Every structure is written in structure tokens, then in C-alpha cells.
N, C-alpha and C. Protein backbone atom coordinates (compact mmCIF):
# COMPACT_ATOMS: atom_id res chain seq x y z
N MET A 1 93.23 -74.32 190.76
CA MET A 1 93.21 -73.18 189.87
C MET A 1 93.27 -73.64 188.43
N GLN A 2 94.18 -74.59 188.18
CA GLN A 2 94.31 -75.07 186.80
C GLN A 2 93.05 -75.83 186.40
N THR A 3 92.38 -76.45 187.30
CA THR A 3 91.15 -77.17 187.02
C THR A 3 90.06 -76.19 186.61
N GLU A 4 89.98 -75.07 187.28
CA GLU A 4 88.98 -74.07 186.89
C GLU A 4 89.26 -73.53 185.50
N GLN A 5 90.52 -73.30 185.18
CA GLN A 5 90.88 -72.81 183.84
C GLN A 5 90.55 -73.87 182.80
N HIS A 6 90.80 -75.12 183.14
CA HIS A 6 90.51 -76.22 182.22
C HIS A 6 89.00 -76.31 181.96
N ARG A 7 88.19 -76.22 183.02
CA ARG A 7 86.74 -76.26 182.87
C ARG A 7 86.24 -75.06 182.08
N PHE A 8 86.79 -73.90 182.37
CA PHE A 8 86.41 -72.70 181.63
C PHE A 8 86.75 -72.85 180.15
N SER A 9 87.91 -73.38 179.85
CA SER A 9 88.37 -73.59 178.48
C SER A 9 87.44 -74.58 177.76
N GLN A 10 87.05 -75.64 178.43
CA GLN A 10 86.14 -76.62 177.84
C GLN A 10 84.77 -75.99 177.58
N ALA A 11 84.30 -75.18 178.49
CA ALA A 11 83.01 -74.51 178.32
C ALA A 11 83.05 -73.56 177.13
N VAL A 12 84.14 -72.85 176.98
CA VAL A 12 84.28 -71.94 175.83
C VAL A 12 84.28 -72.73 174.54
N ARG A 13 85.00 -73.84 174.49
CA ARG A 13 85.04 -74.67 173.27
C ARG A 13 83.65 -75.22 172.94
N ARG A 14 82.93 -75.68 173.97
CA ARG A 14 81.57 -76.17 173.74
C ARG A 14 80.67 -75.06 173.21
N GLY A 15 80.81 -73.88 173.75
CA GLY A 15 80.03 -72.73 173.28
C GLY A 15 80.33 -72.38 171.84
N ILE A 16 81.60 -72.44 171.49
CA ILE A 16 82.00 -72.16 170.10
C ILE A 16 81.44 -73.23 169.17
N LYS A 17 81.55 -74.51 169.55
CA LYS A 17 81.01 -75.60 168.73
C LYS A 17 79.50 -75.45 168.56
N LEU A 18 78.82 -75.15 169.67
CA LEU A 18 77.37 -74.97 169.61
C LEU A 18 77.01 -73.80 168.70
N GLY A 19 77.71 -72.70 168.82
CA GLY A 19 77.48 -71.54 167.97
C GLY A 19 77.71 -71.86 166.50
N ALA A 20 78.76 -72.62 166.23
CA ALA A 20 79.05 -73.00 164.85
C ALA A 20 77.95 -73.91 164.31
N CYS A 21 77.47 -74.85 165.12
CA CYS A 21 76.39 -75.74 164.68
C CYS A 21 75.12 -74.95 164.39
N VAL A 22 74.79 -74.01 165.26
CA VAL A 22 73.61 -73.18 165.05
C VAL A 22 73.75 -72.37 163.77
N ALA A 23 74.94 -71.80 163.54
CA ALA A 23 75.17 -71.00 162.33
C ALA A 23 75.00 -71.85 161.08
N VAL A 24 75.55 -73.06 161.09
CA VAL A 24 75.42 -73.96 159.93
C VAL A 24 73.95 -74.31 159.71
N LEU A 25 73.23 -74.60 160.78
CA LEU A 25 71.82 -74.95 160.68
C LEU A 25 71.02 -73.79 160.10
N VAL A 26 71.26 -72.58 160.58
CA VAL A 26 70.56 -71.41 160.08
C VAL A 26 70.83 -71.22 158.60
N ILE A 27 72.07 -71.38 158.18
CA ILE A 27 72.42 -71.21 156.77
C ILE A 27 71.73 -72.27 155.92
N GLN A 28 71.70 -73.51 156.40
CA GLN A 28 71.07 -74.57 155.63
C GLN A 28 69.56 -74.41 155.53
N LEU A 29 68.93 -73.90 156.56
CA LEU A 29 67.48 -73.78 156.56
C LEU A 29 66.96 -72.49 155.95
N SER A 30 67.81 -71.55 155.64
CA SER A 30 67.31 -70.25 155.22
C SER A 30 67.61 -69.84 153.80
N PRO A 31 67.78 -70.74 152.81
CA PRO A 31 68.03 -70.24 151.47
C PRO A 31 66.87 -69.41 150.93
N GLY A 32 65.64 -69.71 151.37
CA GLY A 32 64.50 -68.92 150.91
C GLY A 32 64.43 -67.55 151.58
N LEU A 33 65.12 -67.39 152.71
CA LEU A 33 65.10 -66.12 153.40
C LEU A 33 66.16 -65.17 152.86
N ILE A 34 67.17 -65.73 152.21
CA ILE A 34 68.24 -64.92 151.66
C ILE A 34 67.98 -64.77 150.17
N GLY A 35 67.83 -63.57 149.69
CA GLY A 35 67.59 -63.36 148.27
C GLY A 35 66.14 -63.57 147.91
N THR A 36 65.91 -64.11 146.72
CA THR A 36 64.55 -64.27 146.23
C THR A 36 64.13 -65.73 146.31
N ALA A 37 63.40 -66.18 145.32
CA ALA A 37 62.92 -67.56 145.21
C ALA A 37 61.65 -67.79 146.01
N TYR A 38 60.64 -66.99 145.78
CA TYR A 38 59.36 -67.15 146.45
C TYR A 38 58.38 -68.02 145.67
N ALA A 39 58.55 -68.17 144.37
CA ALA A 39 57.53 -68.80 143.53
C ALA A 39 57.28 -70.25 143.90
N ALA A 40 56.07 -70.68 143.68
CA ALA A 40 55.68 -72.04 144.02
C ALA A 40 55.56 -72.94 142.80
N SER A 41 55.00 -72.44 141.73
CA SER A 41 54.67 -73.31 140.60
C SER A 41 55.75 -73.36 139.53
N PHE A 42 56.84 -72.65 139.73
CA PHE A 42 57.95 -72.69 138.77
C PHE A 42 59.23 -72.37 139.51
N LYS A 43 60.35 -72.66 138.86
CA LYS A 43 61.65 -72.44 139.47
C LYS A 43 62.15 -71.04 139.17
N CYS A 44 62.52 -70.33 140.21
CA CYS A 44 63.11 -69.00 140.03
C CYS A 44 64.58 -69.19 139.67
N GLY A 45 64.97 -68.65 138.57
CA GLY A 45 66.35 -68.78 138.15
C GLY A 45 66.78 -67.63 137.28
N LYS A 46 68.00 -67.72 136.82
CA LYS A 46 68.53 -66.61 136.02
C LYS A 46 67.86 -66.50 134.65
N HIS A 47 67.19 -67.55 134.21
CA HIS A 47 66.52 -67.50 132.90
C HIS A 47 65.02 -67.20 133.02
N ALA A 48 64.61 -66.73 134.17
CA ALA A 48 63.19 -66.42 134.39
C ALA A 48 62.79 -65.20 133.56
N SER A 49 61.55 -65.21 133.11
CA SER A 49 61.01 -64.08 132.35
C SER A 49 60.75 -62.91 133.31
N ALA A 50 60.40 -61.77 132.74
CA ALA A 50 60.10 -60.59 133.57
C ALA A 50 58.94 -60.87 134.52
N SER A 51 57.90 -61.54 134.03
CA SER A 51 56.75 -61.83 134.90
C SER A 51 57.13 -62.84 135.98
N GLU A 52 57.96 -63.82 135.66
CA GLU A 52 58.40 -64.78 136.67
C GLU A 52 59.30 -64.11 137.71
N ARG A 53 60.18 -63.23 137.28
CA ARG A 53 61.03 -62.51 138.23
C ARG A 53 60.17 -61.67 139.18
N ALA A 54 59.10 -61.08 138.66
CA ALA A 54 58.20 -60.29 139.52
C ALA A 54 57.62 -61.19 140.61
N VAL A 55 57.22 -62.41 140.26
CA VAL A 55 56.66 -63.34 141.24
C VAL A 55 57.74 -63.78 142.23
N CYS A 56 58.92 -64.06 141.72
CA CYS A 56 60.01 -64.52 142.58
C CYS A 56 60.43 -63.45 143.59
N ASP A 57 60.30 -62.20 143.22
CA ASP A 57 60.75 -61.09 144.06
C ASP A 57 59.69 -60.54 145.00
N ASP A 58 58.46 -61.01 144.90
CA ASP A 58 57.36 -60.39 145.65
C ASP A 58 56.56 -61.46 146.40
N PRO A 59 56.60 -61.44 147.73
CA PRO A 59 55.86 -62.45 148.51
C PRO A 59 54.36 -62.45 148.23
N GLU A 60 53.77 -61.28 147.94
CA GLU A 60 52.33 -61.22 147.65
C GLU A 60 52.02 -61.95 146.35
N LEU A 61 52.85 -61.73 145.33
CA LEU A 61 52.64 -62.44 144.06
C LEU A 61 52.90 -63.93 144.23
N SER A 62 53.87 -64.27 145.05
CA SER A 62 54.14 -65.69 145.31
C SER A 62 52.94 -66.35 145.97
N ALA A 63 52.30 -65.64 146.90
CA ALA A 63 51.10 -66.19 147.55
C ALA A 63 49.97 -66.37 146.53
N LEU A 64 49.85 -65.42 145.59
CA LEU A 64 48.85 -65.57 144.53
C LEU A 64 49.19 -66.77 143.64
N ASP A 65 50.47 -66.99 143.40
CA ASP A 65 50.90 -68.15 142.62
C ASP A 65 50.52 -69.44 143.34
N ASP A 66 50.68 -69.47 144.66
CA ASP A 66 50.26 -70.64 145.46
C ASP A 66 48.76 -70.88 145.30
N THR A 67 47.98 -69.81 145.40
CA THR A 67 46.52 -69.91 145.28
C THR A 67 46.13 -70.40 143.89
N LEU A 68 46.78 -69.86 142.88
CA LEU A 68 46.49 -70.27 141.51
C LEU A 68 46.79 -71.75 141.31
N ALA A 69 47.91 -72.21 141.81
CA ALA A 69 48.28 -73.64 141.67
C ALA A 69 47.24 -74.52 142.36
N LYS A 70 46.81 -74.13 143.56
CA LYS A 70 45.80 -74.90 144.30
C LYS A 70 44.47 -74.92 143.54
N ASP A 71 44.05 -73.73 143.08
CA ASP A 71 42.78 -73.64 142.36
C ASP A 71 42.82 -74.39 141.03
N TYR A 72 43.97 -74.40 140.37
CA TYR A 72 44.08 -75.15 139.11
C TYR A 72 43.87 -76.64 139.37
N ARG A 73 44.49 -77.16 140.43
CA ARG A 73 44.30 -78.59 140.75
C ARG A 73 42.83 -78.90 141.04
N LEU A 74 42.17 -78.00 141.79
CA LEU A 74 40.74 -78.20 142.09
C LEU A 74 39.89 -78.11 140.82
N ALA A 75 40.22 -77.15 139.96
CA ALA A 75 39.47 -77.00 138.70
C ALA A 75 39.68 -78.23 137.82
N LEU A 76 40.88 -78.75 137.80
CA LEU A 76 41.17 -79.94 136.99
C LEU A 76 40.38 -81.14 137.51
N ASP A 77 40.30 -81.27 138.82
CA ASP A 77 39.50 -82.36 139.41
C ASP A 77 38.02 -82.24 139.05
N ALA A 78 37.52 -81.00 138.97
CA ALA A 78 36.10 -80.77 138.72
C ALA A 78 35.75 -80.65 137.23
N ALA A 79 36.78 -80.55 136.39
CA ALA A 79 36.55 -80.23 134.97
C ALA A 79 35.84 -81.36 134.23
N LEU A 80 34.89 -80.96 133.39
CA LEU A 80 34.24 -81.91 132.50
C LEU A 80 35.11 -82.12 131.26
N ASP A 81 35.90 -81.11 130.89
CA ASP A 81 36.76 -81.17 129.71
C ASP A 81 38.19 -80.82 130.12
N LYS A 82 38.92 -81.81 130.64
CA LYS A 82 40.27 -81.59 131.15
C LYS A 82 41.24 -81.10 130.06
N PRO A 83 41.21 -81.64 128.84
CA PRO A 83 42.11 -81.13 127.80
C PRO A 83 41.87 -79.64 127.49
N ALA A 84 40.62 -79.22 127.52
CA ALA A 84 40.33 -77.80 127.27
C ALA A 84 40.87 -76.92 128.40
N LEU A 85 40.75 -77.38 129.63
CA LEU A 85 41.28 -76.62 130.76
C LEU A 85 42.80 -76.51 130.66
N GLU A 86 43.46 -77.60 130.29
CA GLU A 86 44.91 -77.58 130.14
C GLU A 86 45.33 -76.65 128.99
N ALA A 87 44.63 -76.70 127.88
CA ALA A 87 44.93 -75.81 126.76
C ALA A 87 44.75 -74.35 127.17
N ASP A 88 43.72 -74.08 127.95
CA ASP A 88 43.49 -72.72 128.44
C ASP A 88 44.61 -72.29 129.37
N ARG A 89 45.08 -73.21 130.23
CA ARG A 89 46.18 -72.90 131.15
C ARG A 89 47.42 -72.47 130.37
N ILE A 90 47.74 -73.21 129.33
CA ILE A 90 48.92 -72.90 128.51
C ILE A 90 48.75 -71.56 127.81
N SER A 91 47.59 -71.36 127.23
CA SER A 91 47.31 -70.10 126.53
C SER A 91 47.40 -68.91 127.47
N GLN A 92 46.81 -69.03 128.65
CA GLN A 92 46.83 -67.94 129.62
C GLN A 92 48.26 -67.65 130.10
N TRP A 93 49.03 -68.71 130.35
CA TRP A 93 50.41 -68.53 130.79
C TRP A 93 51.23 -67.84 129.70
N GLN A 94 51.04 -68.26 128.45
CA GLN A 94 51.76 -67.61 127.35
C GLN A 94 51.39 -66.14 127.23
N TRP A 95 50.12 -65.82 127.44
CA TRP A 95 49.70 -64.41 127.39
C TRP A 95 50.46 -63.61 128.44
N ARG A 96 50.51 -64.16 129.67
CA ARG A 96 51.21 -63.45 130.74
C ARG A 96 52.69 -63.28 130.42
N GLN A 97 53.30 -64.33 129.88
CA GLN A 97 54.74 -64.26 129.55
C GLN A 97 55.03 -63.17 128.53
N HIS A 98 54.14 -62.98 127.58
CA HIS A 98 54.36 -62.02 126.50
C HIS A 98 53.89 -60.61 126.83
N ASN A 99 52.98 -60.46 127.78
CA ASN A 99 52.35 -59.17 128.01
C ASN A 99 52.62 -58.52 129.36
N CYS A 100 53.04 -59.27 130.34
CA CYS A 100 53.24 -58.69 131.67
C CYS A 100 54.73 -58.52 131.96
N ASN A 101 55.12 -57.28 132.15
CA ASN A 101 56.52 -56.97 132.44
C ASN A 101 56.70 -56.31 133.79
N ASP A 102 55.61 -56.13 134.54
CA ASP A 102 55.74 -55.52 135.86
C ASP A 102 54.79 -56.20 136.85
N ALA A 103 54.99 -55.91 138.12
CA ALA A 103 54.23 -56.56 139.18
C ALA A 103 52.74 -56.24 139.12
N VAL A 104 52.38 -55.04 138.71
CA VAL A 104 50.97 -54.66 138.64
C VAL A 104 50.23 -55.53 137.62
N CYS A 105 50.80 -55.69 136.44
CA CYS A 105 50.19 -56.52 135.40
C CYS A 105 50.10 -57.97 135.87
N VAL A 106 51.17 -58.47 136.48
CA VAL A 106 51.19 -59.86 136.95
C VAL A 106 50.12 -60.08 138.02
N LYS A 107 49.99 -59.12 138.94
CA LYS A 107 48.96 -59.25 139.99
C LYS A 107 47.57 -59.26 139.38
N ASP A 108 47.32 -58.35 138.45
CA ASP A 108 46.00 -58.32 137.78
C ASP A 108 45.72 -59.64 137.08
N TRP A 109 46.75 -60.18 136.43
CA TRP A 109 46.60 -61.46 135.73
C TRP A 109 46.24 -62.56 136.73
N TYR A 110 46.95 -62.64 137.86
CA TYR A 110 46.66 -63.67 138.87
C TYR A 110 45.24 -63.53 139.41
N VAL A 111 44.84 -62.33 139.73
CA VAL A 111 43.49 -62.11 140.27
C VAL A 111 42.44 -62.58 139.26
N ARG A 112 42.63 -62.24 137.99
CA ARG A 112 41.69 -62.65 136.95
C ARG A 112 41.68 -64.17 136.79
N ARG A 113 42.86 -64.79 136.70
CA ARG A 113 42.93 -66.24 136.49
C ARG A 113 42.34 -67.00 137.67
N ILE A 114 42.61 -66.55 138.88
CA ILE A 114 42.06 -67.21 140.07
C ILE A 114 40.55 -67.13 140.04
N SER A 115 40.01 -65.98 139.67
CA SER A 115 38.56 -65.80 139.57
C SER A 115 37.97 -66.75 138.52
N GLU A 116 38.64 -66.86 137.37
CA GLU A 116 38.16 -67.76 136.31
C GLU A 116 38.18 -69.21 136.78
N LEU A 117 39.27 -69.61 137.45
CA LEU A 117 39.36 -70.99 137.91
C LEU A 117 38.33 -71.28 138.99
N GLU A 118 38.07 -70.32 139.87
CA GLU A 118 37.04 -70.53 140.89
C GLU A 118 35.67 -70.71 140.25
N ALA A 119 35.42 -69.98 139.16
CA ALA A 119 34.16 -70.17 138.42
C ALA A 119 34.13 -71.56 137.79
N ASP A 120 35.27 -72.01 137.24
CA ASP A 120 35.35 -73.35 136.66
C ASP A 120 35.10 -74.42 137.73
N ILE A 121 35.65 -74.21 138.91
CA ILE A 121 35.45 -75.17 140.01
C ILE A 121 33.97 -75.25 140.35
N HIS A 122 33.34 -74.09 140.49
CA HIS A 122 31.90 -74.06 140.81
C HIS A 122 31.09 -74.74 139.70
N LEU A 123 31.42 -74.43 138.45
CA LEU A 123 30.71 -75.01 137.32
C LEU A 123 30.89 -76.53 137.28
N GLY A 124 32.12 -76.99 137.57
CA GLY A 124 32.39 -78.42 137.56
C GLY A 124 31.63 -79.17 138.65
N LYS A 125 31.33 -78.48 139.75
CA LYS A 125 30.57 -79.11 140.84
C LYS A 125 29.07 -79.04 140.61
N THR A 126 28.66 -78.27 139.62
CA THR A 126 27.25 -78.13 139.31
C THR A 126 26.81 -79.34 138.49
N ASP A 127 25.58 -79.72 138.67
CA ASP A 127 25.01 -80.83 137.92
C ASP A 127 25.08 -80.51 136.43
N PRO A 128 25.64 -81.41 135.59
CA PRO A 128 25.76 -81.15 134.16
C PRO A 128 24.41 -80.83 133.50
N HIS A 129 23.34 -81.46 133.97
CA HIS A 129 22.02 -81.18 133.40
C HIS A 129 21.62 -79.73 133.69
N GLU A 130 21.85 -79.27 134.92
CA GLU A 130 21.54 -77.88 135.28
C GLU A 130 22.38 -76.92 134.43
N THR A 131 23.63 -77.25 134.25
CA THR A 131 24.53 -76.40 133.46
C THR A 131 24.03 -76.30 132.02
N PHE A 132 23.62 -77.45 131.46
CA PHE A 132 23.12 -77.47 130.09
C PHE A 132 21.86 -76.63 129.97
N GLU A 133 20.94 -76.80 130.90
CA GLU A 133 19.69 -76.05 130.86
C GLU A 133 19.94 -74.55 131.01
N GLN A 134 20.87 -74.18 131.88
CA GLN A 134 21.20 -72.77 132.05
C GLN A 134 21.82 -72.20 130.77
N SER A 135 22.64 -73.01 130.12
CA SER A 135 23.25 -72.58 128.86
C SER A 135 22.17 -72.35 127.79
N LEU A 136 21.19 -73.24 127.73
CA LEU A 136 20.08 -73.05 126.78
C LEU A 136 19.32 -71.76 127.09
N ALA A 137 19.05 -71.53 128.37
CA ALA A 137 18.31 -70.32 128.76
C ALA A 137 19.12 -69.07 128.41
N ASP A 138 20.42 -69.12 128.63
CA ASP A 138 21.28 -67.96 128.35
C ASP A 138 21.33 -67.63 126.86
N GLN A 139 21.12 -68.63 126.01
CA GLN A 139 21.21 -68.42 124.56
C GLN A 139 19.91 -67.88 123.96
N HIS A 140 18.81 -67.92 124.70
CA HIS A 140 17.51 -67.41 124.24
C HIS A 140 17.10 -68.03 122.89
N LEU A 141 17.24 -69.35 122.83
CA LEU A 141 16.88 -70.06 121.60
C LEU A 141 15.38 -70.31 121.57
N PRO A 142 14.83 -70.41 120.35
CA PRO A 142 13.41 -70.77 120.25
C PRO A 142 13.20 -72.20 120.77
N PRO A 143 11.99 -72.50 121.25
CA PRO A 143 11.71 -73.82 121.82
C PRO A 143 12.06 -74.98 120.90
N ALA A 144 11.83 -74.85 119.60
CA ALA A 144 12.12 -75.95 118.67
C ALA A 144 13.62 -76.27 118.66
N LYS A 145 14.46 -75.22 118.67
CA LYS A 145 15.92 -75.45 118.68
C LYS A 145 16.37 -76.02 120.03
N GLN A 146 15.73 -75.58 121.09
CA GLN A 146 16.06 -76.13 122.40
C GLN A 146 15.78 -77.63 122.45
N ARG A 147 14.62 -78.04 121.85
CA ARG A 147 14.28 -79.47 121.81
C ARG A 147 15.32 -80.25 121.03
N VAL A 148 15.77 -79.72 119.90
CA VAL A 148 16.80 -80.41 119.09
C VAL A 148 18.07 -80.59 119.91
N LEU A 149 18.49 -79.53 120.60
CA LEU A 149 19.71 -79.62 121.40
C LEU A 149 19.55 -80.58 122.57
N ARG A 150 18.37 -80.61 123.18
CA ARG A 150 18.14 -81.58 124.26
C ARG A 150 18.20 -83.01 123.74
N ASN A 151 17.62 -83.24 122.54
CA ASN A 151 17.69 -84.58 121.93
C ASN A 151 19.14 -84.97 121.64
N LEU A 152 19.92 -84.02 121.14
CA LEU A 152 21.34 -84.31 120.88
C LEU A 152 22.08 -84.61 122.18
N GLN A 153 21.73 -83.89 123.20
CA GLN A 153 22.38 -84.13 124.50
C GLN A 153 22.00 -85.53 124.99
N ASP A 154 20.75 -85.92 124.87
CA ASP A 154 20.31 -87.24 125.29
C ASP A 154 21.04 -88.32 124.50
N LEU A 155 21.22 -88.11 123.20
CA LEU A 155 21.93 -89.08 122.38
C LEU A 155 23.40 -89.21 122.76
N SER A 156 24.00 -88.09 123.16
CA SER A 156 25.42 -88.12 123.50
C SER A 156 25.67 -88.68 124.90
N GLY A 157 24.61 -88.79 125.70
CA GLY A 157 24.74 -89.37 127.04
C GLY A 157 25.24 -88.40 128.07
N LEU A 158 25.20 -87.10 127.81
CA LEU A 158 25.64 -86.10 128.80
C LEU A 158 24.63 -85.90 129.89
């Protein structure tokens, strides 16, 4: 009889230990599930701006932030003018920080920026000669000016 009580007592202790281990594991693995902190490209904290808080609090905006970060890396890899792309990134981010105070504005900003970066990625993968020729066609320049620009391009090695 005492042996059965002893075995039962040991089983209860093992169950309690196992439950405690599971609870600790769940707590350690779930900081992102408790509260906010969804953003990918920046740290969500108490000093976050209104637009950053919107991203931190909204899984859809966080997913857009993930997409933007991925597309920016791809655009940077494809960019012919990396410093210009970086300057544009900073300028665009500053615009969002100063102008977007709600989730709707932030979402619109992400959709626009992702679209712009996808265009940059496509442009970067396009042959530079084709891009130059398309730019000349889009400007509707007279043939003499087009020849001058082509000569300048040839001299610059583009």
C-alpha cells in the first residue's frame, strides 16, 4: 500500500516538474505572442514614432515591413546608383515619420514604396543600353540631341 502511495507521489512530482518545464518553455518562446513587437526592420520600443507603433501593433503592417525590407535588399543588389537608392530610402522614411500618424497612412506608404522598389528592381535587371534608349524615347528629343546624348553615353562607358 505504501509503495503505491510512493509511486503515485513520484508520478505527481514528475507531472508537476514537467508542467513547470513546459510553462517556462512557453514563456521563453512566446515574447512575440504577448503584447506587440511585430516589426522586422526596426525595434519596437517605448520611443517608437506613431508610424512605427502602428507597424508594431498590426501584423498586416509588419508583413508589409518584411516585404519592404526584402525588396529594398533586392533593389540595392540591382541598383545602378546605390547611393541614390539609399538617399531615397532615407528621404522616404523621413516622410513617413513626419506625415503618417495612423495605420491607413502607413499601409498606403508601404504599398507605394514596395511598388517603387519593385520597379527599381525591374529597371536594375534591364539592360542599361535598353534603359538609356527608352529614356531617350520618353523624352521626345530631336535626333541631333539624341546623337549628342548617345555620344556622351559612349564616352562615359555606360
